[in-house]
């Protein structure tokens, strides 16, 4: 297969999983290439996502690597044989590549879980809330660039509205619900929108209240995307230096545990809705 002109995070993940299986089998790239009857450079290019991989090649390689996990092999085959351009490709070269990688991650996830301490999760933001956030950076973005980012964020939200909408759990600290990125009316509309979205059967919103004792879990926001099999789960962590994908087994185990602690600490769905209703009333009364 010819080399790709664009390598996405999903291409890189497929290659990384093939590399993990090879290394687990105790084979070097040269040994794997010799056993598969291909050039060593071919193995290297597949493992960095530079070239595509056929179903036959996937099954041959995983057989050489003694991988007996049929569900994982089938999932890798689906990743390798996907056809068509995702809607996010319309924004290629219009937005940073990392934005597109997030949309692709969400699109292919089996479920999503997110934690936010000072921001409303992107999939739950109103247009005016998203616009206020996009207008805040220094240096300021051009008006047309803000429009693109807002449109892109709203398009991402379709994963919650489609017929086969994926399960989505959002754990939000009360601080994020109280921060007004725009004005009072916009804040009320944002909270009402969260309530509306939480009515969807697959959406669960949990709030961590300010008055919770013993909570030391505030940190960087994170998105946990469940894969077709647990080995293909991915964590997206936001830091002051930008965002990054994590998929090492130890990292996934750590963040699964962290999310479980956050969900245990948060209010239940009904109690969270009650708190949001209370915040909406407080905003209206604080004029």
C-alpha atoms as a PDB file:
ATOM      1  CA  UNK A   1       0.000   0.000   0.000  1.00  0.00           C
ATOM      2  CA  UNK A   2       1.244   3.553  -0.736  1.00  0.00           C
ATOM      3  CA  UNK A   3       2.342   5.825   2.082  1.00  0.00           C
ATOM      4  CA  UNK A   4      -0.393   7.983   3.587  1.00  0.00           C
ATOM      5  CA  UNK A   5      -0.320  11.719   3.089  1.00  0.00           C
ATOM      6  CA  UNK A   6      -2.050  12.200   6.462  1.00  0.00           C
ATOM      7  CA  UNK A   7      -1.465  10.028   9.516  1.00  0.00           C
ATOM      8  CA  UNK A   8      -4.206  10.325  12.137  1.00  0.00           C
ATOM      9  CA  UNK A   9      -4.087   9.311  15.785  1.00  0.00           C
ATOM     10  CA  UNK A  10      -6.248   6.301  14.895  1.00  0.00           C
ATOM     11  CA  UNK A  11      -3.723   5.160  12.272  1.00  0.00           C
ATOM     12  CA  UNK A  12      -0.967   5.538  14.849  1.00  0.00           C
ATOM     13  CA  UNK A  13      -2.963   3.560  17.407  1.00  0.00           C
ATOM     14  CA  UNK A  14      -3.433   0.619  15.056  1.00  0.00           C
ATOM     15  CA  UNK A  15       0.297   0.577  14.387  1.00  0.00           C
ATOM     16  CA  UNK A  16       1.087   0.868  18.085  1.00  0.00           C
ATOM     17  CA  UNK A  17      -1.110  -2.146  18.865  1.00  0.00           C
ATOM     18  CA  UNK A  18       0.692  -4.209  16.230  1.00  0.00           C
ATOM     19  CA  UNK A  19       4.003  -3.166  17.751  1.00  0.00           C
ATOM     20  CA  UNK A  20       2.809  -4.144  21.253  1.00  0.00           C
ATOM     21  CA  UNK A  21       1.814  -7.589  20.018  1.00  0.00           C
ATOM     22  CA  UNK A  22       5.164  -8.047  18.250  1.00  0.00           C
ATOM     23  CA  UNK A  23       7.145  -6.995  21.299  1.00  0.00           C
ATOM     24  CA  UNK A  24       5.014  -9.194  23.544  1.00  0.00           C
ATOM     25  CA  UNK A  25       5.904 -12.099  21.269  1.00  0.00           C
ATOM     26  CA  UNK A  26       9.589 -11.292  21.804  1.00  0.00           C
ATOM     27  CA  UNK A  27      10.258 -10.538  18.142  1.00  0.00           C
ATOM     28  CA  UNK A  28      12.344  -7.735  16.714  1.00  0.00           C
ATOM     29  CA  UNK A  29      11.145  -5.843  13.653  1.00  0.00           C
ATOM     30  CA  UNK A  30      13.671  -7.724  11.539  1.00  0.00           C
ATOM     31  CA  UNK A  31      12.535 -11.114  12.882  1.00  0.00           C
ATOM     32  CA  UNK A  32       8.873 -10.279  12.299  1.00  0.00           C
ATOM     33  CA  UNK A  33       9.589  -9.124   8.766  1.00  0.00           C
ATOM     34  CA  UNK A  34      11.531 -12.292   7.982  1.00  0.00           C
ATOM     35  CA  UNK A  35       8.749 -14.504   9.385  1.00  0.00           C
ATOM     36  CA  UNK A  36       6.093 -12.596   7.435  1.00  0.00           C
ATOM     37  CA  UNK A  37       8.129 -12.541   4.234  1.00  0.00           C
ATOM     38  CA  UNK A  38       8.139  -8.761   3.940  1.00  0.00           C
ATOM     39  CA  UNK A  39      10.717  -5.991   4.189  1.00  0.00           C
ATOM     40  CA  UNK A  40      11.683  -4.727   7.625  1.00  0.00           C
ATOM     41  CA  UNK A  41      10.786  -1.214   6.489  1.00  0.00           C
ATOM     42  CA  UNK A  42       7.256  -2.468   5.803  1.00  0.00           C
ATOM     43  CA  UNK A  43       6.883  -3.583   9.413  1.00  0.00           C
ATOM     44  CA  UNK A  44       8.246  -0.250  10.616  1.00  0.00           C
ATOM     45  CA  UNK A  45       5.903   1.755   8.379  1.00  0.00           C
ATOM     46  CA  UNK A  46       2.867  -0.247   9.515  1.00  0.00           C
ATOM     47  CA  UNK A  47       3.774   0.261  13.159  1.00  0.00           C
ATOM     48  CA  UNK A  48       3.882   4.056  12.856  1.00  0.00           C
ATOM     49  CA  UNK A  49       0.713   4.224  10.746  1.00  0.00           C
ATOM     50  CA  UNK A  50       2.533   5.429   7.651  1.00  0.00           C
ATOM     51  CA  UNK A  51       0.954   2.750   5.436  1.00  0.00           C
ATOM     52  CA  UNK A  52      -2.322   0.874   5.554  1.00  0.00           C
ATOM     53  CA  UNK A  53      -2.641  -2.789   6.483  1.00  0.00           C
ATOM     54  CA  UNK A  54      -4.947  -5.324   4.854  1.00  0.00           C
ATOM     55  CA  UNK A  55      -7.130  -7.755   6.776  1.00  0.00           C
ATOM     56  CA  UNK A  56      -5.026 -10.642   5.485  1.00  0.00           C
ATOM     57  CA  UNK A  57      -1.863  -8.954   6.776  1.00  0.00           C
ATOM     58  CA  UNK A  58      -3.405  -8.240  10.171  1.00  0.00           C
ATOM     59  CA  UNK A  59      -4.482 -11.843  10.629  1.00  0.00           C
ATOM     60  CA  UNK A  60      -1.135 -13.168   9.398  1.00  0.00           C
ATOM     61  CA  UNK A  61       0.868 -10.945  11.730  1.00  0.00           C
ATOM     62  CA  UNK A  62      -1.297 -11.559  14.789  1.00  0.00           C
ATOM     63  CA  UNK A  63      -0.971 -15.267  14.093  1.00  0.00           C
ATOM     64  CA  UNK A  64       2.814 -14.945  13.991  1.00  0.00           C
ATOM     65  CA  UNK A  65       2.633 -13.036  17.267  1.00  0.00           C
ATOM     66  CA  UNK A  66       0.609 -15.855  18.868  1.00  0.00           C
ATOM     67  CA  UNK A  67      -2.283 -13.535  19.680  1.00  0.00           C
ATOM     68  CA  UNK A  68      -5.229 -15.760  20.551  1.00  0.00           C
ATOM     69  CA  UNK A  69      -7.585 -12.904  21.488  1.00  0.00           C
ATOM     70  CA  UNK A  70     -10.103 -13.166  18.647  1.00  0.00           C
ATOM     71  CA  UNK A  71     -12.055 -10.090  19.745  1.00  0.00           C
ATOM     72  CA  UNK A  72      -8.915  -7.949  19.698  1.00  0.00           C
ATOM     73  CA  UNK A  73      -7.850  -9.267  16.294  1.00  0.00           C
ATOM     74  CA  UNK A  74     -11.312  -8.579  14.854  1.00  0.00           C
ATOM     75  CA  UNK A  75     -11.240  -5.057  16.289  1.00  0.00           C
ATOM     76  CA  UNK A  76      -7.837  -4.415  14.716  1.00  0.00           C
ATOM     77  CA  UNK A  77      -9.146  -5.688  11.394  1.00  0.00           C
ATOM     78  CA  UNK A  78     -12.058  -3.246  11.576  1.00  0.00           C
ATOM     79  CA  UNK A  79      -9.661  -0.401  12.300  1.00  0.00           C
ATOM     80  CA  UNK A  80      -7.487  -1.421   9.366  1.00  0.00           C
ATOM     81  CA  UNK A  81     -10.284  -1.828   6.834  1.00  0.00           C
ATOM     82  CA  UNK A  82     -12.393   1.258   7.603  1.00  0.00           C
ATOM     83  CA  UNK A  83     -13.451   3.040   4.448  1.00  0.00           C
ATOM     84  CA  UNK A  84     -14.704   6.534   3.805  1.00  0.00           C
ATOM     85  CA  UNK A  85     -13.818   9.940   5.156  1.00  0.00           C
ATOM     86  CA  UNK A  86     -15.227  11.050   8.482  1.00  0.00           C
ATOM     87  CA  UNK A  87     -17.063  14.381   8.602  1.00  0.00           C
ATOM     88  CA  UNK A  88     -14.114  15.886  10.502  1.00  0.00           C
ATOM     89  CA  UNK A  89     -11.938  15.624   7.399  1.00  0.00           C
ATOM     90  CA  UNK A  90     -13.814  18.650   6.062  1.00  0.00           C
ATOM     91  CA  UNK A  91     -11.836  20.636   8.630  1.00  0.00           C
ATOM     92  CA  UNK A  92      -8.406  19.240   7.693  1.00  0.00           C
ATOM     93  CA  UNK A  93      -5.974  22.168   7.421  1.00  0.00           C
ATOM     94  CA  UNK A  94      -8.679  24.504   8.786  1.00  0.00           C
ATOM     95  CA  UNK A  95      -8.231  23.454  12.413  1.00  0.00           C
ATOM     96  CA  UNK A  96      -5.371  21.906  14.394  1.00  0.00           C
ATOM     97  CA  UNK A  97      -5.019  18.183  13.677  1.00  0.00           C
ATOM     98  CA  UNK A  98      -5.579  17.388  17.362  1.00  0.00           C
ATOM     99  CA  UNK A  99      -9.162  18.652  17.108  1.00  0.00           C
ATOM    100  CA  UNK A 100      -9.858  16.164  14.331  1.00  0.00           C
ATOM    101  CA  UNK A 101      -8.265  13.325  16.274  1.00  0.00           C
ATOM    102  CA  UNK A 102     -10.645  13.981  19.180  1.00  0.00           C
ATOM    103  CA  UNK A 103     -13.682  13.900  16.903  1.00  0.00           C
ATOM    104  CA  UNK A 104     -12.480  10.648  15.337  1.00  0.00           C
ATOM    105  CA  UNK A 105     -11.882   9.163  18.799  1.00  0.00           C
ATOM    106  CA  UNK A 106     -15.416  10.070  19.892  1.00  0.00           C
ATOM    107  CA  UNK A 107     -16.955   8.778  16.682  1.00  0.00           C
ATOM    108  CA  UNK A 108     -15.464   5.293  17.071  1.00  0.00           C
ATOM    109  CA  UNK A 109     -15.814   4.964  20.845  1.00  0.00           C
ATOM    110  CA  UNK A 110     -18.016   2.313  22.443  1.00  0.00           C
ATOM    111  CA  UNK A 111     -18.685   4.710  25.327  1.00  0.00           C
ATOM    112  CA  UNK A 112     -17.347   7.989  26.679  1.00  0.00           C
ATOM    113  CA  UNK A 113     -16.617   9.175  30.206  1.00  0.00           C
ATOM    114  CA  UNK A 114     -15.340  12.641  30.993  1.00  0.00           C
ATOM    115  CA  UNK A 115     -14.278  14.677  34.010  1.00  0.00           C
ATOM    116  CA  UNK A 116     -14.172  18.465  34.081  1.00  0.00           C
ATOM    117  CA  UNK A 117     -13.346  20.657  37.058  1.00  0.00           C
ATOM    118  CA  UNK A 118     -13.498  24.171  35.597  1.00  0.00           C
ATOM    119  CA  UNK A 119     -15.106  23.797  32.166  1.00  0.00           C
ATOM    120  CA  UNK A 120     -18.355  22.408  30.817  1.00  0.00           C
ATOM    121  CA  UNK A 121     -17.576  19.307  28.716  1.00  0.00           C
ATOM    122  CA  UNK A 122     -17.421  20.135  25.021  1.00  0.00           C
ATOM    123  CA  UNK A 123     -20.222  17.713  24.133  1.00  0.00           C
ATOM    124  CA  UNK A 124     -22.567  19.552  26.533  1.00  0.00           C
ATOM    125  CA  UNK A 125     -21.757  23.156  25.623  1.00  0.00           C
ATOM    126  CA  UNK A 126     -24.224  25.560  24.061  1.00  0.00           C
ATOM    127  CA  UNK A 127     -23.165  27.546  21.040  1.00  0.00           C
ATOM    128  CA  UNK A 128     -22.836  30.798  22.989  1.00  0.00           C
ATOM    129  CA  UNK A 129     -20.816  29.074  25.724  1.00  0.00           C
ATOM    130  CA  UNK A 130     -18.475  27.535  23.145  1.00  0.00           C
ATOM    131  CA  UNK A 131     -18.147  30.879  21.377  1.00  0.00           C
ATOM    132  CA  UNK A 132     -17.206  32.672  24.611  1.00  0.00           C
ATOM    133  CA  UNK A 133     -14.493  30.075  25.291  1.00  0.00           C
ATOM    134  CA  UNK A 134     -13.090  30.309  21.767  1.00  0.00           C
ATOM    135  CA  UNK A 135     -13.007  34.109  22.009  1.00  0.00           C
ATOM    136  CA  UNK A 136     -10.955  34.105  25.226  1.00  0.00           C
ATOM    137  CA  UNK A 137      -7.451  32.912  24.165  1.00  0.00           C
ATOM    138  CA  UNK A 138      -4.503  35.261  23.849  1.00  0.00           C
ATOM    139  CA  UNK A 139      -3.629  36.147  21.178  1.00  0.00           C
ATOM    140  CA  UNK A 140      -7.215  36.462  20.033  1.00  0.00           C
ATOM    141  CA  UNK A 141      -8.499  34.304  17.212  1.00  0.00           C
ATOM    142  CA  UNK A 142      -9.923  35.835  14.069  1.00  0.00           C
ATOM    143  CA  UNK A 143     -13.714  35.887  13.877  1.00  0.00           C
ATOM    144  CA  UNK A 144     -13.725  33.318  11.056  1.00  0.00           C
ATOM    145  CA  UNK A 145     -11.493  30.977  13.068  1.00  0.00           C
ATOM    146  CA  UNK A 146     -13.822  31.248  16.049  1.00  0.00           C
ATOM    147  CA  UNK A 147     -16.751  30.389  13.772  1.00  0.00           C
ATOM    148  CA  UNK A 148     -14.941  27.268  12.530  1.00  0.00           C
ATOM    149  CA  UNK A 149     -14.112  26.077  16.032  1.00  0.00           C
ATOM    150  CA  UNK A 150     -17.627  26.616  17.299  1.00  0.00           C
ATOM    151  CA  UNK A 151     -19.173  24.861  14.300  1.00  0.00           C
ATOM    152  CA  UNK A 152     -16.772  21.965  14.754  1.00  0.00           C
ATOM    153  CA  UNK A 153     -17.590  21.617  18.464  1.00  0.00           C
ATOM    154  CA  UNK A 154     -21.322  21.601  17.773  1.00  0.00           C
ATOM    155  CA  UNK A 155     -20.859  19.005  15.021  1.00  0.00           C
ATOM    156  CA  UNK A 156     -19.040  16.756  17.493  1.00  0.00           C
ATOM    157  CA  UNK A 157     -22.123  16.755  19.683  1.00  0.00           C
ATOM    158  CA  UNK A 158     -24.006  14.690  17.112  1.00  0.00           C
ATOM    159  CA  UNK A 159     -22.526  11.529  18.681  1.00  0.00           C
ATOM    160  CA  UNK A 160     -25.065  12.053  21.476  1.00  0.00           C
ATOM    161  CA  UNK A 161     -28.025  12.576  19.145  1.00  0.00           C
ATOM    162  CA  UNK A 162     -27.642   9.867  16.503  1.00  0.00           C
ATOM    163  CA  UNK A 163     -29.831   6.739  16.506  1.00  0.00           C
ATOM    164  CA  UNK A 164     -26.995   4.563  17.814  1.00  0.00           C
ATOM    165  CA  UNK A 165     -25.837   7.177  20.331  1.00  0.00           C
ATOM    166  CA  UNK A 166     -23.081   5.928  22.590  1.00  0.00           C
ATOM    167  CA  UNK A 167     -23.298   5.883  26.405  1.00  0.00           C
ATOM    168  CA  UNK A 168     -21.898   9.121  27.820  1.00  0.00           C
ATOM    169  CA  UNK A 169     -21.055   9.859  31.458  1.00  0.00           C
ATOM    170  CA  UNK A 170     -19.972  13.340  32.508  1.00  0.00           C
ATOM    171  CA  UNK A 171     -18.589  14.047  35.978  1.00  0.00           C
ATOM    172  CA  UNK A 172     -18.514  17.819  36.474  1.00  0.00           C
ATOM    173  CA  UNK A 173     -17.348  19.740  39.509  1.00  0.00           C
ATOM    174  CA  UNK A 174     -19.749  22.402  40.755  1.00  0.00           C
ATOM    175  CA  UNK A 175     -17.054  24.990  40.056  1.00  0.00           C
ATOM    176  CA  UNK A 176     -17.445  24.437  36.318  1.00  0.00           C
ATOM    177  CA  UNK A 177     -21.201  24.965  36.596  1.00  0.00           C
ATOM    178  CA  UNK A 178     -20.745  28.257  38.452  1.00  0.00           C
ATOM    179  CA  UNK A 179     -18.082  29.839  36.235  1.00  0.00           C
ATOM    180  CA  UNK A 180     -19.677  32.341  33.855  1.00  0.00           C
ATOM    181  CA  UNK A 181     -17.712  32.347  30.644  1.00  0.00           C
ATOM    182  CA  UNK A 182     -20.264  34.766  29.190  1.00  0.00           C
ATOM    183  CA  UNK A 183     -23.103  36.582  31.004  1.00  0.00           C
ATOM    184  CA  UNK A 184     -25.765  35.553  33.522  1.00  0.00           C
ATOM    185  CA  UNK A 185     -28.402  34.682  30.917  1.00  0.00           C
ATOM    186  CA  UNK A 186     -25.925  32.595  28.942  1.00  0.00           C
ATOM    187  CA  UNK A 187     -25.003  30.745  32.141  1.00  0.00           C
ATOM    188  CA  UNK A 188     -28.658  29.919  32.794  1.00  0.00           C
ATOM    189  CA  UNK A 189     -29.154  28.695  29.253  1.00  0.00           C
ATOM    190  CA  UNK A 190     -26.025  26.553  29.539  1.00  0.00           C
ATOM    191  CA  UNK A 191     -27.276  24.874  32.711  1.00  0.00           C
ATOM    192  CA  UNK A 192     -30.705  24.318  31.192  1.00  0.00           C
ATOM    193  CA  UNK A 193     -29.013  22.732  28.180  1.00  0.00           C
ATOM    194  CA  UNK A 194     -27.140  20.321  30.441  1.00  0.00           C
ATOM    195  CA  UNK A 195     -30.447  19.358  32.044  1.00  0.00           C
ATOM    196  CA  UNK A 196     -31.987  18.796  28.600  1.00  0.00           C
ATOM    197  CA  UNK A 197     -29.090  16.620  27.478  1.00  0.00           C
ATOM    198  CA  UNK A 198     -29.214  14.618  30.708  1.00  0.00           C
ATOM    199  CA  UNK A 199     -32.741  13.558  29.748  1.00  0.00           C
ATOM    200  CA  UNK A 200     -31.285  11.420  26.974  1.00  0.00           C
ATOM    201  CA  UNK A 201     -31.396   7.784  28.088  1.00  0.00           C
ATOM    202  CA  UNK A 202     -27.704   7.180  27.382  1.00  0.00           C
ATOM    203  CA  UNK A 203     -26.443  10.379  29.049  1.00  0.00           C
ATOM    204  CA  UNK A 204     -25.580  10.521  32.758  1.00  0.00           C
ATOM    205  CA  UNK A 205     -24.456  13.763  34.389  1.00  0.00           C
ATOM    206  CA  UNK A 206     -22.941  13.635  37.870  1.00  0.00           C
ATOM    207  CA  UNK A 207     -21.955  16.724  39.850  1.00  0.00           C
ATOM    208  CA  UNK A 208     -19.264  16.892  42.523  1.00  0.00           C
ATOM    209  CA  UNK A 209     -20.535  19.536  44.961  1.00  0.00           C
ATOM    210  CA  UNK A 210     -18.409  22.114  46.730  1.00  0.00           C
ATOM    211  CA  UNK A 211     -19.488  20.852  50.146  1.00  0.00           C
ATOM    212  CA  UNK A 212     -18.138  17.337  49.628  1.00  0.00           C
ATOM    213  CA  UNK A 213     -15.675  16.426  52.359  1.00  0.00           C
ATOM    214  CA  UNK A 214     -12.392  14.722  51.607  1.00  0.00           C
ATOM    215  CA  UNK A 215     -12.317  15.392  47.876  1.00  0.00           C
ATOM    216  CA  UNK A 216      -8.829  15.987  46.497  1.00  0.00           C
ATOM    217  CA  UNK A 217      -9.433  14.877  42.943  1.00  0.00           C
ATOM    218  CA  UNK A 218      -9.461  18.193  41.135  1.00  0.00           C
ATOM    219  CA  UNK A 219      -6.824  18.123  38.427  1.00  0.00           C
ATOM    220  CA  UNK A 220      -6.548  18.218  34.700  1.00  0.00           C
ATOM    221  CA  UNK A 221      -9.661  17.403  32.674  1.00  0.00           C
ATOM    222  CA  UNK A 222      -9.815  14.024  30.999  1.00  0.00           C
ATOM    223  CA  UNK A 223     -11.831  12.051  28.476  1.00  0.00           C
ATOM    224  CA  UNK A 224     -11.940   8.259  28.619  1.00  0.00           C
ATOM    225  CA  UNK A 225     -13.025   6.619  25.372  1.00  0.00           C
ATOM    226  CA  UNK A 226     -13.911   2.948  25.539  1.00  0.00           C
ATOM    227  CA  UNK A 227     -12.719   0.908  22.592  1.00  0.00           C
ATOM    228  CA  UNK A 228     -14.289  -2.080  20.871  1.00  0.00           C
ATOM    229  CA  UNK A 229     -12.287  -4.147  23.395  1.00  0.00           C
ATOM    230  CA  UNK A 230     -10.702  -2.862  26.649  1.00  0.00           C
ATOM    231  CA  UNK A 231      -7.194  -3.040  25.175  1.00  0.00           C
ATOM    232  CA  UNK A 232      -8.224  -0.341  22.697  1.00  0.00           C
ATOM    233  CA  UNK A 233      -9.469   2.133  25.296  1.00  0.00           C
ATOM    234  CA  UNK A 234      -7.916   5.602  25.111  1.00  0.00           C
ATOM    235  CA  UNK A 235      -7.489   8.429  27.603  1.00  0.00           C
ATOM    236  CA  UNK A 236      -7.266  12.035  26.472  1.00  0.00           C
ATOM    237  CA  UNK A 237      -5.715  14.273  29.105  1.00  0.00           C
ATOM    238  CA  UNK A 238      -5.629  18.060  28.880  1.00  0.00           C
ATOM    239  CA  UNK A 239      -2.686  19.930  30.386  1.00  0.00           C
ATOM    240  CA  UNK A 240      -1.311  23.447  30.193  1.00  0.00           C
ATOM    241  CA  UNK A 241       0.969  22.186  27.413  1.00  0.00           C
ATOM    242  CA  UNK A 242      -1.874  20.766  25.322  1.00  0.00           C
ATOM    243  CA  UNK A 243      -3.675  17.447  25.058  1.00  0.00           C
ATOM    244  CA  UNK A 244      -2.295  13.966  24.688  1.00  0.00           C
ATOM    245  CA  UNK A 245      -3.571  10.437  24.114  1.00  0.00           C
ATOM    246  CA  UNK A 246      -2.611   7.676  26.522  1.00  0.00           C
ATOM    247  CA  UNK A 247      -3.140   3.980  25.860  1.00  0.00           C
ATOM    248  CA  UNK A 248      -0.515   2.028  27.791  1.00  0.00           C
ATOM    249  CA  UNK A 249      -2.051  -0.732  29.896  1.00  0.00           C
ATOM    250  CA  UNK A 250      -0.814   0.789  33.164  1.00  0.00           C
ATOM    251  CA  UNK A 251      -2.149   4.225  32.204  1.00  0.00           C
ATOM    252  CA  UNK A 252      -5.568   2.843  31.306  1.00  0.00           C
ATOM    253  CA  UNK A 253      -5.738   0.950  34.588  1.00  0.00           C
ATOM    254  CA  UNK A 254      -4.840   4.096  36.510  1.00  0.00           C
ATOM    255  CA  UNK A 255      -7.438   6.278  34.839  1.00  0.00           C
ATOM    256  CA  UNK A 256     -10.187   3.664  35.092  1.00  0.00           C
ATOM    257  CA  UNK A 257      -9.582   3.673  38.823  1.00  0.00           C
ATOM    258  CA  UNK A 258      -9.507   7.464  38.982  1.00  0.00           C
ATOM    259  CA  UNK A 259     -12.806   7.740  37.110  1.00  0.00           C
ATOM    260  CA  UNK A 260     -14.402   5.170  39.409  1.00  0.00           C
ATOM    261  CA  UNK A 261     -13.363   7.251  42.426  1.00  0.00           C
ATOM    262  CA  UNK A 262     -14.793  10.394  40.836  1.00  0.00           C
ATOM    263  CA  UNK A 263     -18.119   8.717  40.074  1.00  0.00           C
ATOM    264  CA  UNK A 264     -18.308   7.357  43.615  1.00  0.00           C
ATOM    265  CA  UNK A 265     -17.640  10.827  45.038  1.00  0.00           C
ATOM    266  CA  UNK A 266     -20.176  12.605  42.811  1.00  0.00           C
ATOM    267  CA  UNK A 267     -23.878  13.040  43.429  1.00  0.00           C
ATOM    268  CA  UNK A 268     -26.271  10.635  41.759  1.00  0.00           C
ATOM    269  CA  UNK A 269     -28.094  11.627  38.580  1.00  0.00           C
ATOM    270  CA  UNK A 270     -31.240  12.839  40.358  1.00  0.00           C
ATOM    271  CA  UNK A 271     -29.329  14.735  43.046  1.00  0.00           C
ATOM    272  CA  UNK A 272     -27.129  16.299  40.360  1.00  0.00           C
ATOM    273  CA  UNK A 273     -30.166  17.542  38.474  1.00  0.00           C
ATOM    274  CA  UNK A 274     -31.538  19.022  41.684  1.00  0.00           C
ATOM    275  CA  UNK A 275     -28.284  20.898  42.277  1.00  0.00           C
ATOM    276  CA  UNK A 276     -28.269  22.249  38.720  1.00  0.00           C
ATOM    277  CA  UNK A 277     -31.858  23.456  39.163  1.00  0.00           C
ATOM    278  CA  UNK A 278     -30.742  25.180  42.364  1.00  0.00           C
ATOM    279  CA  UNK A 279     -27.870  26.924  40.577  1.00  0.00           C
ATOM    280  CA  UNK A 280     -30.215  28.137  37.848  1.00  0.00           C
ATOM    281  CA  UNK A 281     -32.478  29.694  40.479  1.00  0.00           C
ATOM    282  CA  UNK A 282     -29.521  31.294  42.249  1.00  0.00           C
ATOM    283  CA  UNK A 283     -28.326  32.915  39.041  1.00  0.00           C
ATOM    284  CA  UNK A 284     -31.790  34.371  38.478  1.00  0.00           C
ATOM    285  CA  UNK A 285     -31.985  35.677  42.055  1.00  0.00           C
ATOM    286  CA  UNK A 286     -28.494  37.235  42.114  1.00  0.00           C
ATOM    287  CA  UNK A 287     -29.286  40.223  39.926  1.00  0.00           C
END
